[in-house]
N, C-alpha and C. Protein backbone atom coordinates (compact mmCIF):
# COMPACT_ATOMS: atom_id res chain seq x y z
N MET A 1 -36.77 -51.02 -22.21
CA MET A 1 -37.17 -52.37 -22.70
C MET A 1 -36.38 -52.57 -24.09
N SER A 2 -35.49 -53.54 -24.05
CA SER A 2 -34.83 -54.03 -25.28
C SER A 2 -35.47 -55.13 -25.99
N TYR A 3 -35.58 -54.92 -27.34
CA TYR A 3 -36.15 -55.99 -28.19
C TYR A 3 -34.99 -56.71 -28.80
N SER A 4 -34.85 -58.06 -28.28
CA SER A 4 -33.70 -58.73 -28.89
C SER A 4 -34.16 -59.56 -30.17
N ILE A 5 -33.21 -59.56 -30.97
CA ILE A 5 -33.37 -60.39 -32.26
C ILE A 5 -32.11 -61.23 -32.50
N LEU A 6 -32.54 -62.43 -33.35
CA LEU A 6 -31.34 -63.22 -33.69
C LEU A 6 -30.47 -62.85 -34.89
N PHE A 7 -31.09 -62.19 -35.72
CA PHE A 7 -30.53 -61.72 -37.06
C PHE A 7 -30.24 -60.14 -36.84
N GLU A 8 -28.98 -59.71 -37.12
CA GLU A 8 -28.74 -58.36 -37.17
C GLU A 8 -28.90 -57.72 -38.54
N PRO A 9 -29.69 -56.72 -38.69
CA PRO A 9 -30.00 -56.18 -40.02
C PRO A 9 -28.82 -55.56 -40.69
N TYR A 10 -27.70 -55.14 -40.14
CA TYR A 10 -26.53 -54.71 -40.83
C TYR A 10 -25.97 -55.77 -41.75
N ARG A 11 -26.26 -57.01 -41.41
CA ARG A 11 -25.80 -58.14 -42.37
C ARG A 11 -26.38 -58.07 -43.74
N PHE A 12 -27.71 -57.51 -43.90
CA PHE A 12 -28.13 -57.31 -45.19
C PHE A 12 -27.33 -56.14 -45.88
N LEU A 13 -26.92 -55.34 -45.15
CA LEU A 13 -26.04 -54.01 -45.84
C LEU A 13 -24.66 -54.57 -46.22
N GLU A 14 -24.08 -55.52 -45.42
CA GLU A 14 -22.88 -56.09 -45.85
C GLU A 14 -22.85 -56.73 -47.12
N LEU A 15 -23.97 -57.68 -47.11
CA LEU A 15 -24.28 -58.42 -48.44
C LEU A 15 -24.45 -57.68 -49.59
N ALA A 16 -25.27 -56.52 -49.37
CA ALA A 16 -25.51 -55.71 -50.46
C ALA A 16 -24.13 -54.90 -51.11
N ASN A 17 -23.34 -54.46 -50.02
CA ASN A 17 -22.21 -54.03 -50.47
C ASN A 17 -21.15 -54.81 -51.10
N LYS A 18 -21.34 -56.05 -50.74
CA LYS A 18 -20.42 -57.12 -51.64
C LYS A 18 -21.05 -57.41 -53.04
N LEU A 19 -22.42 -57.44 -53.24
CA LEU A 19 -23.07 -57.83 -54.44
C LEU A 19 -22.98 -56.75 -55.30
N VAL A 20 -22.95 -55.40 -54.93
CA VAL A 20 -23.02 -54.38 -55.91
C VAL A 20 -21.94 -54.39 -56.87
N ASP A 21 -20.77 -54.85 -56.56
CA ASP A 21 -19.48 -55.07 -57.41
C ASP A 21 -19.34 -56.39 -57.91
N ASP A 22 -20.34 -57.32 -57.71
CA ASP A 22 -20.01 -58.68 -58.18
C ASP A 22 -20.45 -58.75 -59.62
N LYS A 23 -19.68 -58.79 -60.74
CA LYS A 23 -20.06 -58.81 -62.03
C LYS A 23 -20.36 -60.23 -62.53
N ASN A 24 -20.46 -61.21 -61.64
CA ASN A 24 -21.04 -62.57 -62.02
C ASN A 24 -22.49 -62.56 -62.15
N TYR A 25 -23.20 -61.42 -61.78
CA TYR A 25 -24.65 -61.22 -61.83
C TYR A 25 -24.93 -60.08 -62.87
N ASP A 26 -26.06 -60.40 -63.32
CA ASP A 26 -26.64 -59.31 -64.27
C ASP A 26 -26.82 -58.05 -63.49
N GLU A 27 -26.49 -56.84 -64.15
CA GLU A 27 -26.65 -55.64 -63.48
C GLU A 27 -28.03 -55.29 -63.00
N ASP A 28 -28.95 -55.48 -63.78
CA ASP A 28 -30.30 -55.01 -63.26
C ASP A 28 -30.72 -55.97 -62.24
N CYS A 29 -30.48 -57.41 -62.26
CA CYS A 29 -30.77 -58.24 -61.19
C CYS A 29 -30.08 -57.92 -59.80
N ARG A 30 -28.76 -57.63 -60.00
CA ARG A 30 -28.03 -57.33 -58.72
C ARG A 30 -28.39 -55.94 -58.26
N SER A 31 -28.77 -54.95 -59.04
CA SER A 31 -29.07 -53.66 -58.57
C SER A 31 -30.46 -53.65 -57.78
N ARG A 32 -31.28 -54.51 -58.25
CA ARG A 32 -32.63 -54.77 -57.69
C ARG A 32 -32.31 -55.33 -56.33
N THR A 33 -31.51 -56.32 -56.21
CA THR A 33 -31.39 -56.99 -55.02
C THR A 33 -30.64 -56.18 -53.98
N VAL A 34 -29.59 -55.41 -54.48
CA VAL A 34 -28.82 -54.55 -53.62
C VAL A 34 -30.05 -53.42 -53.02
N VAL A 35 -30.84 -52.75 -53.94
CA VAL A 35 -31.80 -51.86 -53.34
C VAL A 35 -32.63 -52.42 -52.25
N GLY A 36 -33.04 -53.73 -52.47
CA GLY A 36 -33.90 -54.32 -51.59
C GLY A 36 -33.12 -54.65 -50.27
N ARG A 37 -32.01 -55.08 -50.33
CA ARG A 37 -31.20 -55.39 -49.02
C ARG A 37 -30.94 -54.17 -48.26
N ALA A 38 -30.53 -53.08 -49.08
CA ALA A 38 -30.25 -51.79 -48.42
C ALA A 38 -31.50 -51.23 -47.71
N TYR A 39 -32.72 -51.36 -48.28
CA TYR A 39 -33.84 -50.93 -47.56
C TYR A 39 -34.12 -51.67 -46.35
N TYR A 40 -34.01 -53.04 -46.45
CA TYR A 40 -34.35 -53.98 -45.48
C TYR A 40 -33.57 -53.72 -44.24
N SER A 41 -32.32 -53.50 -44.51
CA SER A 41 -31.15 -53.16 -43.42
C SER A 41 -31.56 -51.94 -42.74
N ALA A 42 -32.09 -50.79 -43.37
CA ALA A 42 -32.48 -49.53 -42.68
C ALA A 42 -33.77 -49.85 -42.03
N PHE A 43 -34.74 -50.37 -42.77
CA PHE A 43 -36.20 -50.63 -42.16
C PHE A 43 -36.05 -51.44 -40.90
N LEU A 44 -35.31 -52.43 -40.92
CA LEU A 44 -35.09 -53.44 -39.73
C LEU A 44 -34.47 -52.74 -38.60
N THR A 45 -33.40 -51.98 -38.93
CA THR A 45 -32.88 -51.25 -37.69
C THR A 45 -33.90 -50.17 -37.19
N ALA A 46 -34.52 -49.38 -38.03
CA ALA A 46 -35.64 -48.37 -37.50
C ALA A 46 -36.70 -49.27 -36.74
N TYR A 47 -37.11 -50.33 -37.13
CA TYR A 47 -38.06 -51.17 -36.39
C TYR A 47 -37.47 -51.60 -35.15
N LYS A 48 -36.49 -52.14 -35.12
CA LYS A 48 -35.80 -52.46 -33.76
C LYS A 48 -35.63 -51.41 -32.80
N LYS A 49 -35.22 -50.20 -33.29
CA LYS A 49 -34.97 -48.85 -32.62
C LYS A 49 -36.36 -48.62 -31.90
N MET A 50 -37.38 -48.56 -32.76
CA MET A 50 -38.82 -48.07 -32.30
C MET A 50 -39.21 -49.11 -31.20
N ARG A 51 -38.94 -50.32 -31.47
CA ARG A 51 -39.38 -51.31 -30.31
C ARG A 51 -38.67 -51.10 -29.01
N ASP A 52 -37.28 -50.81 -29.22
CA ASP A 52 -36.41 -50.51 -28.06
C ASP A 52 -36.91 -49.20 -27.28
N LEU A 53 -37.52 -48.29 -28.02
CA LEU A 53 -37.79 -47.04 -27.56
C LEU A 53 -39.34 -47.17 -26.79
N GLY A 54 -39.91 -48.40 -26.85
CA GLY A 54 -41.13 -48.80 -26.34
C GLY A 54 -42.55 -48.47 -27.26
N ILE A 55 -42.16 -48.36 -28.43
CA ILE A 55 -43.27 -48.28 -29.34
C ILE A 55 -43.80 -49.61 -29.83
N SER A 56 -45.06 -49.89 -29.71
CA SER A 56 -45.64 -51.05 -30.15
C SER A 56 -45.88 -51.09 -31.56
N LEU A 57 -45.50 -52.01 -32.35
CA LEU A 57 -45.67 -52.07 -33.86
C LEU A 57 -46.15 -53.57 -34.08
N GLN A 58 -47.46 -53.64 -33.99
CA GLN A 58 -48.06 -55.11 -34.06
C GLN A 58 -48.71 -55.47 -35.37
N ASP A 59 -49.18 -54.48 -36.12
CA ASP A 59 -49.90 -54.80 -37.36
C ASP A 59 -49.01 -55.19 -38.42
N VAL A 60 -48.86 -56.42 -38.76
CA VAL A 60 -47.98 -56.97 -39.77
C VAL A 60 -48.27 -56.49 -41.06
N GLU A 61 -49.65 -56.26 -41.45
CA GLU A 61 -50.04 -55.93 -42.66
C GLU A 61 -49.46 -54.25 -43.01
N ARG A 62 -49.13 -53.62 -41.98
CA ARG A 62 -48.77 -52.14 -42.10
C ARG A 62 -47.55 -51.95 -41.43
N ILE A 63 -46.70 -52.94 -41.07
CA ILE A 63 -45.56 -52.70 -40.32
C ILE A 63 -44.55 -51.79 -40.91
N HIS A 64 -44.48 -51.62 -42.20
CA HIS A 64 -43.48 -50.67 -42.78
C HIS A 64 -43.84 -49.41 -42.63
N LYS A 65 -45.05 -49.13 -42.95
CA LYS A 65 -45.91 -47.67 -42.73
C LYS A 65 -45.70 -47.30 -41.29
N GLU A 66 -46.19 -48.20 -40.39
CA GLU A 66 -46.31 -47.91 -38.95
C GLU A 66 -44.79 -47.53 -38.39
N THR A 67 -43.65 -48.27 -38.88
CA THR A 67 -42.38 -47.98 -38.28
C THR A 67 -41.98 -46.62 -38.79
N ILE A 68 -42.23 -46.32 -40.05
CA ILE A 68 -41.92 -45.04 -40.66
C ILE A 68 -42.76 -43.78 -39.88
N GLU A 69 -43.96 -44.02 -39.70
CA GLU A 69 -44.70 -43.11 -38.92
C GLU A 69 -44.16 -42.86 -37.49
N ALA A 70 -43.86 -43.90 -36.94
CA ALA A 70 -43.38 -43.83 -35.43
C ALA A 70 -42.00 -43.10 -35.60
N LEU A 71 -41.08 -43.39 -36.57
CA LEU A 71 -39.76 -42.78 -36.69
C LEU A 71 -40.08 -41.27 -36.85
N GLN A 72 -41.17 -40.82 -37.67
CA GLN A 72 -41.51 -39.46 -37.74
C GLN A 72 -41.47 -38.66 -36.42
N GLY A 73 -42.06 -39.24 -35.46
CA GLY A 73 -42.08 -38.67 -34.14
C GLY A 73 -40.81 -38.25 -33.58
N TYR A 74 -39.63 -38.94 -34.13
CA TYR A 74 -38.36 -38.64 -33.42
C TYR A 74 -37.49 -37.86 -34.48
N ASP A 75 -37.71 -38.05 -35.64
CA ASP A 75 -36.91 -37.32 -36.77
C ASP A 75 -37.59 -37.27 -38.02
N TYR A 76 -38.36 -36.33 -38.41
CA TYR A 76 -39.13 -36.26 -39.69
C TYR A 76 -38.19 -36.51 -40.83
N GLY A 77 -37.12 -35.75 -40.95
CA GLY A 77 -36.29 -36.04 -42.13
C GLY A 77 -35.75 -37.28 -42.23
N LEU A 78 -35.36 -37.97 -41.12
CA LEU A 78 -34.88 -39.36 -41.19
C LEU A 78 -36.12 -40.36 -41.55
N ALA A 79 -37.32 -40.03 -41.24
CA ALA A 79 -38.38 -40.98 -41.66
C ALA A 79 -38.60 -40.71 -43.07
N SER A 80 -38.27 -39.43 -43.65
CA SER A 80 -38.67 -39.23 -45.24
C SER A 80 -37.57 -39.96 -45.96
N LYS A 81 -36.34 -39.99 -45.45
CA LYS A 81 -35.30 -40.72 -46.10
C LYS A 81 -35.68 -42.22 -46.24
N LEU A 82 -36.15 -42.87 -45.08
CA LEU A 82 -36.52 -44.16 -45.06
C LEU A 82 -37.65 -44.48 -46.05
N TYR A 83 -38.59 -43.51 -46.01
CA TYR A 83 -39.75 -43.67 -47.02
C TYR A 83 -39.28 -43.71 -48.38
N LYS A 84 -38.17 -42.74 -48.67
CA LYS A 84 -37.73 -42.65 -50.06
C LYS A 84 -36.97 -44.09 -50.49
N LEU A 85 -36.40 -44.52 -49.53
CA LEU A 85 -35.68 -45.75 -49.76
C LEU A 85 -36.64 -46.84 -50.01
N ARG A 86 -37.79 -46.84 -49.32
CA ARG A 86 -38.84 -47.83 -49.52
C ARG A 86 -39.40 -47.67 -50.81
N ASP A 87 -39.55 -46.52 -51.43
CA ASP A 87 -40.10 -46.23 -52.78
C ASP A 87 -39.10 -46.85 -53.78
N TYR A 88 -37.89 -46.74 -53.34
CA TYR A 88 -36.96 -47.48 -54.57
C TYR A 88 -37.05 -48.97 -54.36
N ARG A 89 -37.21 -49.41 -53.14
CA ARG A 89 -37.31 -50.90 -53.06
C ARG A 89 -38.61 -51.27 -53.60
N ASN A 90 -39.67 -50.65 -53.47
CA ASN A 90 -40.83 -51.02 -54.14
C ASN A 90 -40.78 -51.10 -55.71
N ASP A 91 -39.94 -50.02 -56.21
CA ASP A 91 -39.73 -50.16 -57.70
C ASP A 91 -38.93 -51.30 -58.10
N ALA A 92 -37.91 -51.56 -57.28
CA ALA A 92 -37.10 -52.78 -57.55
C ALA A 92 -37.83 -54.04 -57.52
N ASP A 93 -38.72 -54.17 -56.50
CA ASP A 93 -39.36 -55.49 -56.28
C ASP A 93 -40.69 -55.71 -57.11
N TYR A 94 -41.36 -54.42 -57.58
CA TYR A 94 -42.58 -54.59 -58.24
C TYR A 94 -42.87 -54.01 -59.47
N HIS A 95 -41.93 -53.16 -59.95
CA HIS A 95 -41.91 -52.30 -61.26
C HIS A 95 -40.93 -52.81 -62.07
N MET A 96 -41.35 -53.76 -63.03
CA MET A 96 -40.14 -54.24 -63.88
C MET A 96 -40.09 -53.33 -65.02
N ASP A 97 -40.76 -52.32 -65.16
CA ASP A 97 -40.49 -51.32 -66.26
C ASP A 97 -39.67 -50.19 -65.90
N VAL A 98 -39.31 -50.14 -64.42
CA VAL A 98 -38.47 -49.26 -63.91
C VAL A 98 -36.88 -49.78 -64.06
N ARG A 99 -35.90 -48.93 -64.61
CA ARG A 99 -34.63 -49.35 -64.74
C ARG A 99 -34.01 -49.19 -63.48
N MET A 100 -33.19 -50.19 -63.01
CA MET A 100 -32.42 -50.14 -61.77
C MET A 100 -30.86 -50.17 -62.20
N SER A 101 -30.11 -49.20 -61.98
CA SER A 101 -28.72 -49.19 -62.29
C SER A 101 -27.84 -49.47 -61.08
N ILE A 102 -26.75 -49.72 -61.44
CA ILE A 102 -25.68 -49.70 -60.31
C ILE A 102 -25.53 -48.48 -59.67
N ALA A 103 -25.56 -47.33 -60.43
CA ALA A 103 -25.47 -46.06 -59.89
C ALA A 103 -26.52 -45.92 -58.55
N LEU A 104 -27.74 -46.15 -59.12
CA LEU A 104 -28.94 -46.01 -58.08
C LEU A 104 -28.70 -46.88 -56.96
N ALA A 105 -28.21 -48.18 -57.14
CA ALA A 105 -27.96 -49.23 -56.14
C ALA A 105 -26.89 -48.58 -55.22
N ARG A 106 -25.93 -48.08 -55.60
CA ARG A 106 -24.90 -47.40 -54.86
C ARG A 106 -25.36 -46.27 -54.06
N SER A 107 -26.27 -45.41 -54.55
CA SER A 107 -26.94 -44.34 -53.81
C SER A 107 -27.84 -44.85 -52.76
N CYS A 108 -28.62 -45.96 -52.98
CA CYS A 108 -29.41 -46.58 -52.09
C CYS A 108 -28.70 -47.16 -50.75
N LEU A 109 -27.47 -47.62 -51.19
CA LEU A 109 -26.51 -48.09 -50.24
C LEU A 109 -25.94 -47.10 -49.23
N ARG A 110 -25.80 -45.89 -49.75
CA ARG A 110 -25.22 -44.69 -49.01
C ARG A 110 -26.44 -44.22 -48.20
N LEU A 111 -27.60 -44.08 -48.85
CA LEU A 111 -28.80 -43.63 -48.00
C LEU A 111 -29.06 -44.48 -46.79
N SER A 112 -29.05 -45.87 -47.09
CA SER A 112 -29.24 -46.78 -46.08
C SER A 112 -28.18 -46.59 -44.95
N GLN A 113 -26.98 -46.38 -45.28
CA GLN A 113 -25.88 -46.19 -44.15
C GLN A 113 -26.24 -45.00 -43.48
N GLN A 114 -26.69 -43.87 -44.28
CA GLN A 114 -26.91 -42.58 -43.48
C GLN A 114 -28.18 -42.90 -42.40
N ILE A 115 -29.11 -43.44 -42.90
CA ILE A 115 -30.35 -43.67 -42.11
C ILE A 115 -29.79 -44.60 -40.83
N ILE A 116 -29.17 -45.61 -41.06
CA ILE A 116 -28.81 -46.37 -39.78
C ILE A 116 -27.83 -45.76 -38.80
N SER A 117 -27.06 -44.76 -39.49
CA SER A 117 -26.14 -44.08 -38.63
C SER A 117 -26.95 -43.07 -37.72
N ARG A 118 -27.85 -42.50 -38.29
CA ARG A 118 -28.73 -41.66 -37.56
C ARG A 118 -29.68 -42.31 -36.49
N ILE A 119 -30.21 -43.42 -36.91
CA ILE A 119 -31.06 -44.18 -36.09
C ILE A 119 -30.42 -44.52 -34.79
N ASP A 120 -29.12 -44.74 -34.86
CA ASP A 120 -28.37 -45.11 -33.72
C ASP A 120 -28.32 -43.98 -32.75
N THR A 121 -28.50 -42.92 -33.12
CA THR A 121 -28.44 -41.66 -32.16
C THR A 121 -29.79 -41.38 -31.48
N LEU A 122 -30.75 -41.88 -31.91
CA LEU A 122 -32.13 -41.63 -31.51
C LEU A 122 -32.35 -41.97 -30.18
N ARG A 123 -32.86 -41.18 -29.23
CA ARG A 123 -33.08 -41.45 -27.77
C ARG A 123 -34.58 -41.15 -27.38
């Protein structure tokens, strides 16, 4: 059963890759945005894959946690990486006392790409 979507998550990663080097924006602001888009690209890819594999993910209040837990059943290490990326996204979105650097943003972009590449191999 394939779960069809109108928006492809990789587009968030494309945007994040462009934004990370755009010096027209404040470093902290763009770093936070890049981290968020990197996470959502990986999360939505994982969510779609879990749905395609027949896993029901219905609880909107817990959808991030449920998706990561479902992913653990296929690849625990991959789920751990997505959880780590989620922690960075939470820092970027909710913890204004945590510094977000371009170096961290680039690291999150690489991590997101690694996650997405491995998700594509899950069966």
